[in-house]
Amino acid sequence: HGPWDPENGLRCDASKLLVDPYGKAFDGEFDGDSSLFSYDINNPE
C-alpha cells in the first residue's frame, strides 16, 4: 500500500499480488489476465 503516482514512478497498488524479488522458488503461472496490469489495456490512462 502506498502512493499511486505513475508519472513519478510510484505504482503502489494493493490489488496486485507481488512476488518476492528475493524468492528462491516460485509456483503457478502468469496467465495474461487483465487483472495483472495496473492500467486498462484498451485505455492506459
All heavy atoms as atom14 arrays in JSON, in Angstrom:
{
  "sequence": "HGPWDPENGLRCDASKLLVDPYGKAFDGEFDGDSSLFSYDINNPE",
  "atom14_mask": [
    [1, 1, 1, 1, 1, 1, 1, 1, 1, 1, 0, 0, 0, 0],
    [1, 1, 1, 1, 0, 0, 0, 0, 0, 0, 0, 0, 0, 0],
    [1, 1, 1, 1, 1, 1, 1, 0, 0, 0, 0, 0, 0, 0],
    [1, 1, 1, 1, 1, 1, 1, 1, 1, 1, 1, 1, 1, 1],
    [1, 1, 1, 1, 1, 1, 1, 1, 0, 0, 0, 0, 0, 0],
    [1, 1, 1, 1, 1, 1, 1, 0, 0, 0, 0, 0, 0, 0],
    [1, 1, 1, 1, 1, 1, 1, 1, 1, 0, 0, 0, 0, 0],
    [1, 1, 1, 1, 1, 1, 1, 1, 0, 0, 0, 0, 0, 0],
    [1, 1, 1, 1, 0, 0, 0, 0, 0, 0, 0, 0, 0, 0],
    [1, 1, 1, 1, 1, 1, 1, 1, 0, 0, 0, 0, 0, 0],
    [1, 1, 1, 1, 1, 1, 1, 1, 1, 1, 1, 0, 0, 0],
    [1, 1, 1, 1, 1, 1, 0, 0, 0, 0, 0, 0, 0, 0],
    [1, 1, 1, 1, 1, 1, 1, 1, 0, 0, 0, 0, 0, 0],
    [1, 1, 1, 1, 1, 0, 0, 0, 0, 0, 0, 0, 0, 0],
    [1, 1, 1, 1, 1, 1, 0, 0, 0, 0, 0, 0, 0, 0],
    [1, 1, 1, 1, 1, 1, 1, 1, 1, 0, 0, 0, 0, 0],
    [1, 1, 1, 1, 1, 1, 1, 1, 0, 0, 0, 0, 0, 0],
    [1, 1, 1, 1, 1, 1, 1, 1, 0, 0, 0, 0, 0, 0],
    [1, 1, 1, 1, 1, 1, 1, 0, 0, 0, 0, 0, 0, 0],
    [1, 1, 1, 1, 1, 1, 1, 1, 0, 0, 0, 0, 0, 0],
    [1, 1, 1, 1, 1, 1, 1, 0, 0, 0, 0, 0, 0, 0],
    [1, 1, 1, 1, 1, 1, 1, 1, 1, 1, 1, 1, 0, 0],
    [1, 1, 1, 1, 0, 0, 0, 0, 0, 0, 0, 0, 0, 0],
    [1, 1, 1, 1, 1, 1, 1, 1, 1, 0, 0, 0, 0, 0],
    [1, 1, 1, 1, 1, 0, 0, 0, 0, 0, 0, 0, 0, 0],
    [1, 1, 1, 1, 1, 1, 1, 1, 1, 1, 1, 0, 0, 0],
    [1, 1, 1, 1, 1, 1, 1, 1, 0, 0, 0, 0, 0, 0],
    [1, 1, 1, 1, 0, 0, 0, 0, 0, 0, 0, 0, 0, 0],
    [1, 1, 1, 1, 1, 1, 1, 1, 1, 0, 0, 0, 0, 0],
    [1, 1, 1, 1, 1, 1, 1, 1, 1, 1, 1, 0, 0, 0],
    [1, 1, 1, 1, 1, 1, 1, 1, 0, 0, 0, 0, 0, 0],
    [1, 1, 1, 1, 0, 0, 0, 0, 0, 0, 0, 0, 0, 0],
    [1, 1, 1, 1, 1, 1, 1, 1, 0, 0, 0, 0, 0, 0],
    [1, 1, 1, 1, 1, 1, 0, 0, 0, 0, 0, 0, 0, 0],
    [1, 1, 1, 1, 1, 1, 0, 0, 0, 0, 0, 0, 0, 0],
    [1, 1, 1, 1, 1, 1, 1, 1, 0, 0, 0, 0, 0, 0],
    [1, 1, 1, 1, 1, 1, 1, 1, 1, 1, 1, 0, 0, 0],
    [1, 1, 1, 1, 1, 1, 0, 0, 0, 0, 0, 0, 0, 0],
    [1, 1, 1, 1, 1, 1, 1, 1, 1, 1, 1, 1, 0, 0],
    [1, 1, 1, 1, 1, 1, 1, 1, 0, 0, 0, 0, 0, 0],
    [1, 1, 1, 1, 1, 1, 1, 1, 0, 0, 0, 0, 0, 0],
    [1, 1, 1, 1, 1, 1, 1, 1, 0, 0, 0, 0, 0, 0],
    [1, 1, 1, 1, 1, 1, 1, 1, 0, 0, 0, 0, 0, 0],
    [1, 1, 1, 1, 1, 1, 1, 0, 0, 0, 0, 0, 0, 0],
    [1, 1, 1, 1, 1, 1, 1, 1, 1, 0, 0, 0, 0, 0]
  ],
  "atom14_positions": [
    [[0.85, -1.19, 0.0], [0.0, 0.0, 0.0], [0.89, 1.24, 0.0], [1.93, 1.28, 0.66], [-0.88, 0.02, 1.25], [-1.75, -1.19, 1.42], [-3.12, -1.16, 1.22], [-1.44, -2.47, 1.76], [-3.61, -2.36, 1.45], [-2.62, -3.18, 1.78], [0.0, 0.0, 0.0], [0.0, 0.0, 0.0], [0.0, 0.0, 0.0], [0.0, 0.0, 0.0]],
    [[0.47, 2.25, -0.73], [1.25, 3.48, -0.77], [0.81, 4.37, -1.9], [-0.28, 4.2, -2.47], [0.0, 0.0, 0.0], [0.0, 0.0, 0.0], [0.0, 0.0, 0.0], [0.0, 0.0, 0.0], [0.0, 0.0, 0.0], [0.0, 0.0, 0.0], [0.0, 0.0, 0.0], [0.0, 0.0, 0.0], [0.0, 0.0, 0.0], [0.0, 0.0, 0.0]],
    [[1.64, 5.32, -2.27], [1.25, 6.33, -3.28], [1.1, 5.74, -4.69], [1.85, 4.85, -5.1], [2.4, 7.34, -3.23], [3.56, 6.56, -2.7], [2.98, 5.59, -1.72], [0.0, 0.0, 0.0], [0.0, 0.0, 0.0], [0.0, 0.0, 0.0], [0.0, 0.0, 0.0], [0.0, 0.0, 0.0], [0.0, 0.0, 0.0], [0.0, 0.0, 0.0]],
    [[0.1, 6.23, -5.39], [-0.11, 5.89, -6.8], [0.12, 7.15, -7.62], [-0.7, 8.05, -7.67], [-1.53, 5.35, -7.02], [-1.85, 5.13, -8.47], [-2.53, 5.97, -9.3], [-1.46, 4.01, -9.27], [-2.6, 5.45, -10.57], [-1.96, 4.23, -10.58], [-0.76, 2.83, -9.01], [-1.76, 3.33, -11.63], [-0.57, 1.93, -10.05], [-1.07, 2.18, -11.33]],
    [[1.29, 7.25, -8.22], [1.68, 8.43, -8.99], [2.6, 7.98, -10.12], [3.81, 8.2, -10.09], [2.39, 9.43, -8.08], [2.71, 10.74, -8.78], [2.28, 10.91, -9.94], [3.4, 11.59, -8.17], [0.0, 0.0, 0.0], [0.0, 0.0, 0.0], [0.0, 0.0, 0.0], [0.0, 0.0, 0.0], [0.0, 0.0, 0.0], [0.0, 0.0, 0.0]],
    [[2.02, 7.34, -11.15], [2.83, 6.77, -12.24], [3.78, 7.76, -12.9], [4.87, 7.38, -13.32], [1.77, 6.26, -13.23], [0.57, 5.99, -12.39], [0.58, 7.07, -11.34], [0.0, 0.0, 0.0], [0.0, 0.0, 0.0], [0.0, 0.0, 0.0], [0.0, 0.0, 0.0], [0.0, 0.0, 0.0], [0.0, 0.0, 0.0], [0.0, 0.0, 0.0]],
    [[3.37, 9.02, -12.99], [4.23, 10.0, -13.66], [5.55, 10.17, -12.93], [6.55, 10.57, -13.53], [3.49, 11.35, -13.75], [2.32, 11.33, -14.73], [1.7, 12.68, -14.9], [2.18, 13.65, -14.25], [0.74, 12.81, -15.69], [0.0, 0.0, 0.0], [0.0, 0.0, 0.0], [0.0, 0.0, 0.0], [0.0, 0.0, 0.0], [0.0, 0.0, 0.0]],
    [[5.56, 9.86, -11.64], [6.79, 9.96, -10.86], [7.31, 8.59, -10.45], [8.1, 8.47, -9.5], [6.54, 10.82, -9.61], [6.33, 12.28, -9.97], [7.22, 12.91, -10.56], [5.17, 12.82, -9.63], [0.0, 0.0, 0.0], [0.0, 0.0, 0.0], [0.0, 0.0, 0.0], [0.0, 0.0, 0.0], [0.0, 0.0, 0.0], [0.0, 0.0, 0.0]],
    [[6.84, 7.57, -11.16], [7.36, 6.23, -10.93], [6.82, 5.53, -9.7], [7.37, 4.5, -9.28], [0.0, 0.0, 0.0], [0.0, 0.0, 0.0], [0.0, 0.0, 0.0], [0.0, 0.0, 0.0], [0.0, 0.0, 0.0], [0.0, 0.0, 0.0], [0.0, 0.0, 0.0], [0.0, 0.0, 0.0], [0.0, 0.0, 0.0], [0.0, 0.0, 0.0]],
    [[5.74, 6.03, -9.12], [5.17, 5.43, -7.91], [3.91, 4.65, -8.29], [2.93, 5.23, -8.75], [4.84, 6.5, -6.88], [6.03, 7.37, -6.44], [5.57, 8.45, -5.48], [7.12, 6.5, -5.8], [0.0, 0.0, 0.0], [0.0, 0.0, 0.0], [0.0, 0.0, 0.0], [0.0, 0.0, 0.0], [0.0, 0.0, 0.0], [0.0, 0.0, 0.0]],
    [[3.95, 3.32, -8.12], [2.84, 2.48, -8.56], [2.4, 1.5, -7.47], [2.14, 0.33, -7.75], [3.22, 1.72, -9.83], [3.44, 2.6, -11.04], [3.85, 1.79, -12.26], [3.96, 2.61, -13.46], [2.96, 2.87, -14.29], [1.76, 2.36, -14.06], [3.15, 3.62, -15.36], [0.0, 0.0, 0.0], [0.0, 0.0, 0.0], [0.0, 0.0, 0.0]],
    [[2.35, 1.93, -6.26], [1.86, 1.05, -5.18], [0.39, 0.71, -5.45], [-0.42, 1.6, -5.71], [2.0, 1.74, -3.83], [3.7, 2.05, -3.33], [0.0, 0.0, 0.0], [0.0, 0.0, 0.0], [0.0, 0.0, 0.0], [0.0, 0.0, 0.0], [0.0, 0.0, 0.0], [0.0, 0.0, 0.0], [0.0, 0.0, 0.0], [0.0, 0.0, 0.0]],
    [[0.07, -0.55, -5.38], [-1.29, -0.98, -5.7], [-1.56, -2.29, -4.97], [-1.09, -3.35, -5.39], [-1.45, -1.17, -7.21], [-2.88, -1.48, -7.62], [-3.7, -1.78, -6.72], [-3.17, -1.46, -8.83], [0.0, 0.0, 0.0], [0.0, 0.0, 0.0], [0.0, 0.0, 0.0], [0.0, 0.0, 0.0], [0.0, 0.0, 0.0], [0.0, 0.0, 0.0]],
    [[-2.29, -2.23, -3.89], [-2.55, -3.41, -3.06], [-3.46, -4.42, -3.74], [-3.63, -5.54, -3.24], [-3.15, -2.98, -1.72], [0.0, 0.0, 0.0], [0.0, 0.0, 0.0], [0.0, 0.0, 0.0], [0.0, 0.0, 0.0], [0.0, 0.0, 0.0], [0.0, 0.0, 0.0], [0.0, 0.0, 0.0], [0.0, 0.0, 0.0], [0.0, 0.0, 0.0]],
    [[-4.05, -4.07, -4.88], [-4.89, -5.03, -5.58], [-4.05, -6.04, -6.36], [-4.56, -7.05, -6.84], [-5.85, -4.32, -6.54], [-5.17, -3.77, -7.65], [0.0, 0.0, 0.0], [0.0, 0.0, 0.0], [0.0, 0.0, 0.0], [0.0, 0.0, 0.0], [0.0, 0.0, 0.0], [0.0, 0.0, 0.0], [0.0, 0.0, 0.0], [0.0, 0.0, 0.0]],
    [[-2.75, -5.76, -6.48], [-1.86, -6.65, -7.21], [-1.0, -7.46, -6.23], [-0.3, -6.89, -5.39], [-0.93, -5.86, -8.15], [-1.65, -4.86, -9.03], [-2.8, -5.47, -9.83], [-3.54, -4.41, -10.63], [-4.8, -4.91, -11.21], [0.0, 0.0, 0.0], [0.0, 0.0, 0.0], [0.0, 0.0, 0.0], [0.0, 0.0, 0.0], [0.0, 0.0, 0.0]],
    [[-1.07, -8.78, -6.36], [-0.23, -9.65, -5.55], [1.17, -9.63, -6.14], [1.36, -9.92, -7.33], [-0.77, -11.07, -5.52], [0.04, -12.05, -4.66], [-0.17, -11.74, -3.18], [-0.32, -13.49, -4.98], [0.0, 0.0, 0.0], [0.0, 0.0, 0.0], [0.0, 0.0, 0.0], [0.0, 0.0, 0.0], [0.0, 0.0, 0.0], [0.0, 0.0, 0.0]],
    [[2.15, -9.29, -5.33], [3.53, -9.2, -5.79], [4.33, -10.42, -5.37], [4.2, -10.9, -4.24], [4.2, -7.94, -5.21], [3.47, -6.61, -5.45], [4.24, -5.48, -4.81], [3.28, -6.37, -6.95], [0.0, 0.0, 0.0], [0.0, 0.0, 0.0], [0.0, 0.0, 0.0], [0.0, 0.0, 0.0], [0.0, 0.0, 0.0], [0.0, 0.0, 0.0]],
    [[5.18, -10.91, -6.27], [6.09, -11.98, -5.89], [7.26, -11.37, -5.13], [7.51, -10.16, -5.19], [6.61, -12.76, -7.12], [5.47, -13.46, -7.84], [7.36, -11.84, -8.08], [0.0, 0.0, 0.0], [0.0, 0.0, 0.0], [0.0, 0.0, 0.0], [0.0, 0.0, 0.0], [0.0, 0.0, 0.0], [0.0, 0.0, 0.0], [0.0, 0.0, 0.0]],
    [[7.98, -12.22, -4.43], [9.14, -11.78, -3.65], [10.34, -11.66, -4.59], [10.75, -12.65, -5.19], [9.42, -12.83, -2.56], [10.53, -12.4, -1.62], [11.22, -11.41, -1.89], [10.71, -13.09, -0.59], [0.0, 0.0, 0.0], [0.0, 0.0, 0.0], [0.0, 0.0, 0.0], [0.0, 0.0, 0.0], [0.0, 0.0, 0.0], [0.0, 0.0, 0.0]],
    [[10.94, -10.46, -4.73], [12.1, -10.33, -5.61], [13.29, -11.16, -5.15], [14.19, -11.44, -5.93], [12.41, -8.82, -5.58], [11.78, -8.33, -4.32], [10.56, -9.18, -4.11], [0.0, 0.0, 0.0], [0.0, 0.0, 0.0], [0.0, 0.0, 0.0], [0.0, 0.0, 0.0], [0.0, 0.0, 0.0], [0.0, 0.0, 0.0], [0.0, 0.0, 0.0]],
    [[13.29, -11.58, -3.88], [14.34, -12.45, -3.35], [13.83, -13.87, -3.16], [14.46, -14.66, -2.45], [14.89, -11.89, -2.03], [15.89, -10.77, -2.22], [15.47, -9.48, -2.55], [17.25, -11.0, -2.11], [16.37, -8.45, -2.75], [18.17, -9.98, -2.3], [17.73, -8.71, -2.62], [18.64, -7.69, -2.83], [0.0, 0.0, 0.0], [0.0, 0.0, 0.0]],
    [[12.71, -14.21, -3.8], [12.16, -15.55, -3.68], [13.1, -16.61, -4.24], [13.75, -16.39, -5.27], [0.0, 0.0, 0.0], [0.0, 0.0, 0.0], [0.0, 0.0, 0.0], [0.0, 0.0, 0.0], [0.0, 0.0, 0.0], [0.0, 0.0, 0.0], [0.0, 0.0, 0.0], [0.0, 0.0, 0.0], [0.0, 0.0, 0.0], [0.0, 0.0, 0.0]],
    [[13.15, -17.75, -3.59], [14.06, -18.82, -4.01], [13.34, -19.94, -4.74], [13.98, -20.9, -5.2], [14.81, -19.36, -2.79], [15.7, -18.3, -2.12], [16.42, -18.87, -0.91], [17.29, -17.78, -0.27], [16.49, -16.69, 0.31], [0.0, 0.0, 0.0], [0.0, 0.0, 0.0], [0.0, 0.0, 0.0], [0.0, 0.0, 0.0], [0.0, 0.0, 0.0]],
    [[12.02, -19.85, -4.85], [11.23, -20.8, -5.64], [9.9, -20.15, -5.95], [9.4, -19.31, -5.18], [11.04, -22.11, -4.89], [0.0, 0.0, 0.0], [0.0, 0.0, 0.0], [0.0, 0.0, 0.0], [0.0, 0.0, 0.0], [0.0, 0.0, 0.0], [0.0, 0.0, 0.0], [0.0, 0.0, 0.0], [0.0, 0.0, 0.0], [0.0, 0.0, 0.0]],
    [[9.31, -20.53, -7.09], [8.02, -19.96, -7.5], [7.1, -21.07, -7.96], [7.53, -22.13, -8.43], [8.22, -18.95, -8.63], [9.01, -17.73, -8.23], [10.38, -17.7, -8.36], [8.37, -16.62, -7.7], [11.12, -16.59, -7.98], [9.09, -15.51, -7.31], [10.47, -15.49, -7.45], [0.0, 0.0, 0.0], [0.0, 0.0, 0.0], [0.0, 0.0, 0.0]],
    [[5.8, -20.81, -7.83], [4.79, -21.79, -8.22], [3.69, -21.08, -9.0], [3.42, -19.89, -8.77], [4.2, -22.46, -6.97], [3.27, -23.6, -7.32], [3.53, -24.29, -8.33], [2.28, -23.81, -6.6], [0.0, 0.0, 0.0], [0.0, 0.0, 0.0], [0.0, 0.0, 0.0], [0.0, 0.0, 0.0], [0.0, 0.0, 0.0], [0.0, 0.0, 0.0]],
    [[3.04, -21.8, -9.91], [1.96, -21.22, -10.68], [2.45, -20.55, -11.95], [3.61, -20.7, -12.35], [0.0, 0.0, 0.0], [0.0, 0.0, 0.0], [0.0, 0.0, 0.0], [0.0, 0.0, 0.0], [0.0, 0.0, 0.0], [0.0, 0.0, 0.0], [0.0, 0.0, 0.0], [0.0, 0.0, 0.0], [0.0, 0.0, 0.0], [0.0, 0.0, 0.0]],
    [[1.57, -19.77, -12.57], [1.89, -19.12, -13.84], [1.24, -17.74, -13.89], [0.24, -17.48, -13.25], [1.36, -19.95, -15.02], [1.97, -21.32, -15.17], [3.4, -21.29, -15.64], [3.82, -20.22, -16.17], [4.11, -22.3, -15.48], [0.0, 0.0, 0.0], [0.0, 0.0, 0.0], [0.0, 0.0, 0.0], [0.0, 0.0, 0.0], [0.0, 0.0, 0.0]],
    [[1.83, -16.86, -14.69], [1.14, -15.63, -15.1], [0.29, -16.01, -16.3], [0.82, -16.5, -17.3], [2.14, -14.55, -15.5], [2.91, -13.98, -14.35], [4.19, -14.41, -14.06], [2.35, -13.0, -13.56], [4.91, -13.88, -13.01], [3.05, -12.45, -12.49], [4.34, -12.89, -12.22], [0.0, 0.0, 0.0], [0.0, 0.0, 0.0], [0.0, 0.0, 0.0]],
    [[-1.01, -15.81, -16.22], [-1.88, -16.29, -17.3], [-2.3, -15.2, -18.28], [-3.11, -15.45, -19.2], [-3.11, -17.0, -16.72], [-4.02, -16.07, -15.92], [-3.79, -14.84, -15.93], [-4.95, -16.58, -15.27], [0.0, 0.0, 0.0], [0.0, 0.0, 0.0], [0.0, 0.0, 0.0], [0.0, 0.0, 0.0], [0.0, 0.0, 0.0], [0.0, 0.0, 0.0]],
    [[-1.78, -14.0, -18.12], [-2.1, -12.92, -19.07], [-3.4, -12.2, -18.8], [-3.82, -11.35, -19.59], [0.0, 0.0, 0.0], [0.0, 0.0, 0.0], [0.0, 0.0, 0.0], [0.0, 0.0, 0.0], [0.0, 0.0, 0.0], [0.0, 0.0, 0.0], [0.0, 0.0, 0.0], [0.0, 0.0, 0.0], [0.0, 0.0, 0.0], [0.0, 0.0, 0.0]],
    [[-4.08, -12.52, -17.69], [-5.36, -11.88, -17.37], [-5.2, -10.38, -17.21], [-4.14, -9.88, -16.8], [-5.91, -12.49, -16.07], [-7.31, -12.03, -15.77], [-8.25, -12.54, -16.41], [-7.48, -11.15, -14.89], [0.0, 0.0, 0.0], [0.0, 0.0, 0.0], [0.0, 0.0, 0.0], [0.0, 0.0, 0.0], [0.0, 0.0, 0.0], [0.0, 0.0, 0.0]],
    [[-6.26, -9.65, -17.53], [-6.21, -8.18, -17.47], [-5.92, -7.67, -16.07], [-5.38, -6.57, -15.9], [-7.53, -7.59, -17.97], [-8.62, -8.0, -17.13], [0.0, 0.0, 0.0], [0.0, 0.0, 0.0], [0.0, 0.0, 0.0], [0.0, 0.0, 0.0], [0.0, 0.0, 0.0], [0.0, 0.0, 0.0], [0.0, 0.0, 0.0], [0.0, 0.0, 0.0]],
    [[-6.24, -8.47, -15.04], [-6.02, -8.03, -13.66], [-4.53, -7.88, -13.32], [-4.18, -7.23, -12.33], [-6.66, -9.02, -12.68], [-6.04, -10.29, -12.77], [0.0, 0.0, 0.0], [0.0, 0.0, 0.0], [0.0, 0.0, 0.0], [0.0, 0.0, 0.0], [0.0, 0.0, 0.0], [0.0, 0.0, 0.0], [0.0, 0.0, 0.0], [0.0, 0.0, 0.0]],
    [[-3.66, -8.47, -14.13], [-2.22, -8.37, -13.88], [-1.68, -6.99, -14.19], [-0.59, -6.63, -13.75], [-1.47, -9.41, -14.71], [-1.74, -10.88, -14.37], [-1.17, -11.78, -15.45], [-1.16, -11.23, -13.02], [0.0, 0.0, 0.0], [0.0, 0.0, 0.0], [0.0, 0.0, 0.0], [0.0, 0.0, 0.0], [0.0, 0.0, 0.0], [0.0, 0.0, 0.0]],
    [[-2.44, -6.2, -14.93], [-1.98, -4.88, -15.34], [-2.61, -3.8, -14.44], [-3.79, -3.88, -14.09], [-2.35, -4.62, -16.8], [-1.69, -5.58, -17.75], [-2.3, -6.79, -18.06], [-0.46, -5.29, -18.32], [-1.69, -7.69, -18.93], [0.16, -6.17, -19.19], [-0.46, -7.38, -19.49], [0.0, 0.0, 0.0], [0.0, 0.0, 0.0], [0.0, 0.0, 0.0]],
    [[-1.83, -2.8, -14.13], [-2.32, -1.72, -13.26], [-3.11, -0.68, -14.03], [-3.57, 0.3, -13.46], [-1.15, -1.06, -12.54], [-0.23, -0.54, -13.48], [0.0, 0.0, 0.0], [0.0, 0.0, 0.0], [0.0, 0.0, 0.0], [0.0, 0.0, 0.0], [0.0, 0.0, 0.0], [0.0, 0.0, 0.0], [0.0, 0.0, 0.0], [0.0, 0.0, 0.0]],
    [[-3.24, -0.9, -15.33], [-3.99, 0.03, -16.17], [-4.89, -0.76, -17.11], [-4.7, -1.96, -17.34], [-3.04, 0.91, -16.98], [-2.03, 0.12, -17.77], [-2.32, -0.32, -19.07], [-0.8, -0.22, -17.22], [-1.4, -1.08, -19.79], [0.13, -0.97, -17.93], [-0.18, -1.4, -19.21], [0.72, -2.16, -19.93], [0.0, 0.0, 0.0], [0.0, 0.0, 0.0]],
    [[-5.86, -0.1, -17.67], [-6.76, -0.72, -18.64], [-6.0, -0.89, -19.95], [-5.47, 0.07, -20.5], [-7.99, 0.18, -18.84], [-9.06, -0.47, -19.7], [-8.71, -1.11, -20.72], [-10.26, -0.33, -19.38], [0.0, 0.0, 0.0], [0.0, 0.0, 0.0], [0.0, 0.0, 0.0], [0.0, 0.0, 0.0], [0.0, 0.0, 0.0], [0.0, 0.0, 0.0]],
    [[-5.96, -2.12, -20.46], [-5.21, -2.4, -21.68], [-5.69, -1.53, -22.84], [-4.89, -1.07, -23.66], [-5.34, -3.89, -22.06], [-4.69, -4.77, -20.99], [-4.69, -4.15, -23.41], [-3.22, -4.56, -20.82], [0.0, 0.0, 0.0], [0.0, 0.0, 0.0], [0.0, 0.0, 0.0], [0.0, 0.0, 0.0], [0.0, 0.0, 0.0], [0.0, 0.0, 0.0]],
    [[-6.99, -1.29, -22.9], [-7.56, -0.51, -24.01], [-7.54, 0.99, -23.75], [-7.79, 1.78, -24.66], [-9.0, -0.96, -24.27], [-9.07, -2.42, -24.69], [-8.31, -2.86, -25.55], [-9.97, -3.18, -24.06], [0.0, 0.0, 0.0], [0.0, 0.0, 0.0], [0.0, 0.0, 0.0], [0.0, 0.0, 0.0], [0.0, 0.0, 0.0], [0.0, 0.0, 0.0]],
    [[-7.25, 1.36, -22.5], [-7.2, 2.77, -22.15], [-6.14, 2.96, -21.05], [-6.46, 2.99, -19.86], [-8.57, 3.25, -21.65], [-8.56, 4.73, -21.3], [-7.62, 5.46, -21.63], [-9.6, 5.19, -20.61], [0.0, 0.0, 0.0], [0.0, 0.0, 0.0], [0.0, 0.0, 0.0], [0.0, 0.0, 0.0], [0.0, 0.0, 0.0], [0.0, 0.0, 0.0]],
    [[-4.88, 3.06, -21.45], [-3.77, 3.11, -20.48], [-3.87, 4.22, -19.45], [-3.23, 4.14, -18.39], [-2.54, 3.29, -21.39], [-2.95, 2.71, -22.7], [-4.4, 3.05, -22.83], [0.0, 0.0, 0.0], [0.0, 0.0, 0.0], [0.0, 0.0, 0.0], [0.0, 0.0, 0.0], [0.0, 0.0, 0.0], [0.0, 0.0, 0.0], [0.0, 0.0, 0.0]],
    [[-4.68, 5.25, -19.73], [-4.82, 6.33, -18.76], [-5.77, 5.94, -17.62], [-5.82, 6.61, -16.58], [-5.35, 7.59, -19.46], [-4.45, 8.11, -20.57], [-3.06, 8.47, -20.06], [-2.98, 9.05, -18.96], [-2.08, 8.16, -20.76], [0.0, 0.0, 0.0], [0.0, 0.0, 0.0], [0.0, 0.0, 0.0], [0.0, 0.0, 0.0], [0.0, 0.0, 0.0]]
  ]
}
